[in-house]
């Protein structure tokens, strides 16, 4: 899948060009549509815990998944199984890492393994 780059205004006012996609997440009857950044170097999809709360997920009750490299240090995230849909592609069940850590200008990163080639 080729993802077009979209112009995006950061919280500091800079205009960035990023590979943004609209994704739908679903968990136990609740769903949320959000914008996500494709990160070709990521091993797992990372979402802010605010999104987990919208889905009815208590983030820190999942499987603890320590992460490093996102903000120059280690952060804690918790894995939860979520249904993940991009555009008209089939819905897939993936584990998503939810974190309380605020990433600079990013609330969602989608890994390159999220079944875009299915």
C-alpha atoms as a PDB file:
ATOM      1  CA  UNK A   1       0.000   0.000   0.000  1.00  0.00           C
ATOM      2  CA  UNK A   2       1.319   3.441  -0.880  1.00  0.00           C
ATOM      3  CA  UNK A   3       0.479   6.102   1.687  1.00  0.00           C
ATOM      4  CA  UNK A   4       0.399   9.716   0.454  1.00  0.00           C
ATOM      5  CA  UNK A   5       2.085  12.314   2.618  1.00  0.00           C
ATOM      6  CA  UNK A   6      -0.183  14.950   4.150  1.00  0.00           C
ATOM      7  CA  UNK A   7       0.652  18.441   5.387  1.00  0.00           C
ATOM      8  CA  UNK A   8       0.185  18.680   9.162  1.00  0.00           C
ATOM      9  CA  UNK A   9       0.558  21.623  11.548  1.00  0.00           C
ATOM     10  CA  UNK A  10       2.437  20.668  14.735  1.00  0.00           C
ATOM     11  CA  UNK A  11       1.674  22.125  18.164  1.00  0.00           C
ATOM     12  CA  UNK A  12       4.704  24.406  17.743  1.00  0.00           C
ATOM     13  CA  UNK A  13       3.230  25.823  14.523  1.00  0.00           C
ATOM     14  CA  UNK A  14       5.593  24.097  12.099  1.00  0.00           C
ATOM     15  CA  UNK A  15       4.183  22.492   8.976  1.00  0.00           C
ATOM     16  CA  UNK A  16       5.307  18.882   8.587  1.00  0.00           C
ATOM     17  CA  UNK A  17       4.620  16.478   5.756  1.00  0.00           C
ATOM     18  CA  UNK A  18       3.713  13.104   7.251  1.00  0.00           C
ATOM     19  CA  UNK A  19       2.331   9.742   6.084  1.00  0.00           C
ATOM     20  CA  UNK A  20      -1.080  10.065   7.785  1.00  0.00           C
ATOM     21  CA  UNK A  21      -3.907   7.552   7.465  1.00  0.00           C
ATOM     22  CA  UNK A  22      -7.370   7.297   8.936  1.00  0.00           C
ATOM     23  CA  UNK A  23      -7.843   4.101  10.953  1.00  0.00           C
ATOM     24  CA  UNK A  24     -10.764   2.651  12.874  1.00  0.00           C
ATOM     25  CA  UNK A  25     -10.142   0.863  16.152  1.00  0.00           C
ATOM     26  CA  UNK A  26     -12.784  -1.313  17.791  1.00  0.00           C
ATOM     27  CA  UNK A  27     -12.941  -3.041  21.158  1.00  0.00           C
ATOM     28  CA  UNK A  28     -15.935  -4.816  22.730  1.00  0.00           C
ATOM     29  CA  UNK A  29     -18.583  -2.938  20.762  1.00  0.00           C
ATOM     30  CA  UNK A  30     -16.967   0.504  20.928  1.00  0.00           C
ATOM     31  CA  UNK A  31     -15.076   2.038  18.034  1.00  0.00           C
ATOM     32  CA  UNK A  32     -13.056   5.156  17.370  1.00  0.00           C
ATOM     33  CA  UNK A  33     -11.797   6.657  14.127  1.00  0.00           C
ATOM     34  CA  UNK A  34      -8.409   8.379  14.452  1.00  0.00           C
ATOM     35  CA  UNK A  35      -5.553   9.700  12.331  1.00  0.00           C
ATOM     36  CA  UNK A  36      -2.306   7.767  12.564  1.00  0.00           C
ATOM     37  CA  UNK A  37       1.261   8.230  11.326  1.00  0.00           C
ATOM     38  CA  UNK A  38       2.854   5.315   9.499  1.00  0.00           C
ATOM     39  CA  UNK A  39       6.295   4.590  10.966  1.00  0.00           C
ATOM     40  CA  UNK A  40       8.178   2.173   8.729  1.00  0.00           C
ATOM     41  CA  UNK A  41      10.721   1.519  11.490  1.00  0.00           C
ATOM     42  CA  UNK A  42       8.234   0.684  14.255  1.00  0.00           C
ATOM     43  CA  UNK A  43       7.777  -2.880  15.457  1.00  0.00           C
ATOM     44  CA  UNK A  44       4.375  -2.262  17.051  1.00  0.00           C
ATOM     45  CA  UNK A  45       1.524   0.241  16.816  1.00  0.00           C
ATOM     46  CA  UNK A  46       1.549   2.798  19.651  1.00  0.00           C
ATOM     47  CA  UNK A  47      -1.479   4.827  20.695  1.00  0.00           C
ATOM     48  CA  UNK A  48      -1.968   7.299  23.526  1.00  0.00           C
ATOM     49  CA  UNK A  49      -3.928   5.966  26.493  1.00  0.00           C
ATOM     50  CA  UNK A  50      -6.618   8.616  25.864  1.00  0.00           C
ATOM     51  CA  UNK A  51      -7.660   6.558  22.827  1.00  0.00           C
ATOM     52  CA  UNK A  52      -7.775   3.413  24.986  1.00  0.00           C
ATOM     53  CA  UNK A  53     -10.149   5.166  27.377  1.00  0.00           C
ATOM     54  CA  UNK A  54     -12.456   6.134  24.493  1.00  0.00           C
ATOM     55  CA  UNK A  55     -12.629   2.436  23.601  1.00  0.00           C
ATOM     56  CA  UNK A  56     -13.409   1.412  27.184  1.00  0.00           C
ATOM     57  CA  UNK A  57      -9.931  -0.033  27.741  1.00  0.00           C
ATOM     58  CA  UNK A  58      -8.120   0.572  31.034  1.00  0.00           C
ATOM     59  CA  UNK A  59      -4.598   0.939  29.571  1.00  0.00           C
ATOM     60  CA  UNK A  60      -2.416  -0.169  32.482  1.00  0.00           C
ATOM     61  CA  UNK A  61      -4.331  -3.434  32.931  1.00  0.00           C
ATOM     62  CA  UNK A  62      -2.905  -5.023  29.805  1.00  0.00           C
ATOM     63  CA  UNK A  63       0.364  -6.849  29.274  1.00  0.00           C
ATOM     64  CA  UNK A  64       3.277  -4.568  30.274  1.00  0.00           C
ATOM     65  CA  UNK A  65       5.407  -3.820  27.214  1.00  0.00           C
ATOM     66  CA  UNK A  66       8.529  -1.705  27.910  1.00  0.00           C
ATOM     67  CA  UNK A  67       9.566   0.395  24.914  1.00  0.00           C
ATOM     68  CA  UNK A  68      12.601   2.461  24.008  1.00  0.00           C
ATOM     69  CA  UNK A  69      13.669   4.786  21.239  1.00  0.00           C
ATOM     70  CA  UNK A  70      10.518   6.895  20.918  1.00  0.00           C
ATOM     71  CA  UNK A  71      11.449   9.848  23.104  1.00  0.00           C
ATOM     72  CA  UNK A  72      15.130   9.228  23.735  1.00  0.00           C
ATOM     73  CA  UNK A  73      14.490   6.932  26.676  1.00  0.00           C
ATOM     74  CA  UNK A  74      12.387   4.098  27.971  1.00  0.00           C
ATOM     75  CA  UNK A  75       8.609   4.278  28.331  1.00  0.00           C
ATOM     76  CA  UNK A  76       5.993   1.867  29.622  1.00  0.00           C
ATOM     77  CA  UNK A  77       3.145   0.717  27.429  1.00  0.00           C
ATOM     78  CA  UNK A  78       0.459  -1.937  27.833  1.00  0.00           C
ATOM     79  CA  UNK A  79      -0.666  -4.291  25.078  1.00  0.00           C
ATOM     80  CA  UNK A  80      -4.338  -4.835  24.332  1.00  0.00           C
ATOM     81  CA  UNK A  81      -5.978  -6.752  21.456  1.00  0.00           C
ATOM     82  CA  UNK A  82      -7.933  -4.366  19.226  1.00  0.00           C
ATOM     83  CA  UNK A  83      -9.711  -4.681  15.889  1.00  0.00           C
ATOM     84  CA  UNK A  84      -7.894  -2.480  13.373  1.00  0.00           C
ATOM     85  CA  UNK A  85      -9.296  -1.274  10.032  1.00  0.00           C
ATOM     86  CA  UNK A  86      -7.710   0.910   7.350  1.00  0.00           C
ATOM     87  CA  UNK A  87      -9.968   2.193   4.558  1.00  0.00           C
ATOM     88  CA  UNK A  88     -11.604  -0.710   2.737  1.00  0.00           C
ATOM     89  CA  UNK A  89      -9.078  -3.333   3.847  1.00  0.00           C
ATOM     90  CA  UNK A  90     -10.376  -6.250   5.921  1.00  0.00           C
ATOM     91  CA  UNK A  91     -10.431  -5.721   9.682  1.00  0.00           C
ATOM     92  CA  UNK A  92      -7.591  -7.464  11.509  1.00  0.00           C
ATOM     93  CA  UNK A  93      -7.036  -8.149  15.209  1.00  0.00           C
ATOM     94  CA  UNK A  94      -3.690  -6.777  16.403  1.00  0.00           C
ATOM     95  CA  UNK A  95      -2.056  -5.982  19.725  1.00  0.00           C
ATOM     96  CA  UNK A  96      -1.696  -2.243  20.245  1.00  0.00           C
ATOM     97  CA  UNK A  97       0.622  -0.645  22.802  1.00  0.00           C
ATOM     98  CA  UNK A  98      -1.140   2.085  24.789  1.00  0.00           C
ATOM     99  CA  UNK A  99       1.010   4.540  26.743  1.00  0.00           C
ATOM    100  CA  UNK A 100       0.494   7.469  29.107  1.00  0.00           C
ATOM    101  CA  UNK A 101       3.711   9.041  27.805  1.00  0.00           C
ATOM    102  CA  UNK A 102       3.091  12.096  25.657  1.00  0.00           C
ATOM    103  CA  UNK A 103       4.989  11.793  22.417  1.00  0.00           C
ATOM    104  CA  UNK A 104       5.988  15.113  20.857  1.00  0.00           C
ATOM    105  CA  UNK A 105       3.309  16.084  18.297  1.00  0.00           C
ATOM    106  CA  UNK A 106       2.301  12.447  17.880  1.00  0.00           C
ATOM    107  CA  UNK A 107      -0.465  10.505  19.577  1.00  0.00           C
ATOM    108  CA  UNK A 108      -0.457   7.465  17.307  1.00  0.00           C
ATOM    109  CA  UNK A 109       2.202   5.501  15.440  1.00  0.00           C
ATOM    110  CA  UNK A 110       1.249   2.562  13.269  1.00  0.00           C
ATOM    111  CA  UNK A 111       3.916  -0.042  12.682  1.00  0.00           C
ATOM    112  CA  UNK A 112       4.847  -1.394   9.276  1.00  0.00           C
ATOM    113  CA  UNK A 113       3.564  -4.887  10.188  1.00  0.00           C
ATOM    114  CA  UNK A 114      -0.115  -3.890  10.584  1.00  0.00           C
ATOM    115  CA  UNK A 115      -1.240  -6.163   7.769  1.00  0.00           C
ATOM    116  CA  UNK A 116      -1.278  -3.587   4.984  1.00  0.00           C
ATOM    117  CA  UNK A 117      -0.223  -6.269   2.510  1.00  0.00           C
ATOM    118  CA  UNK A 118      -3.161  -8.609   3.231  1.00  0.00           C
END
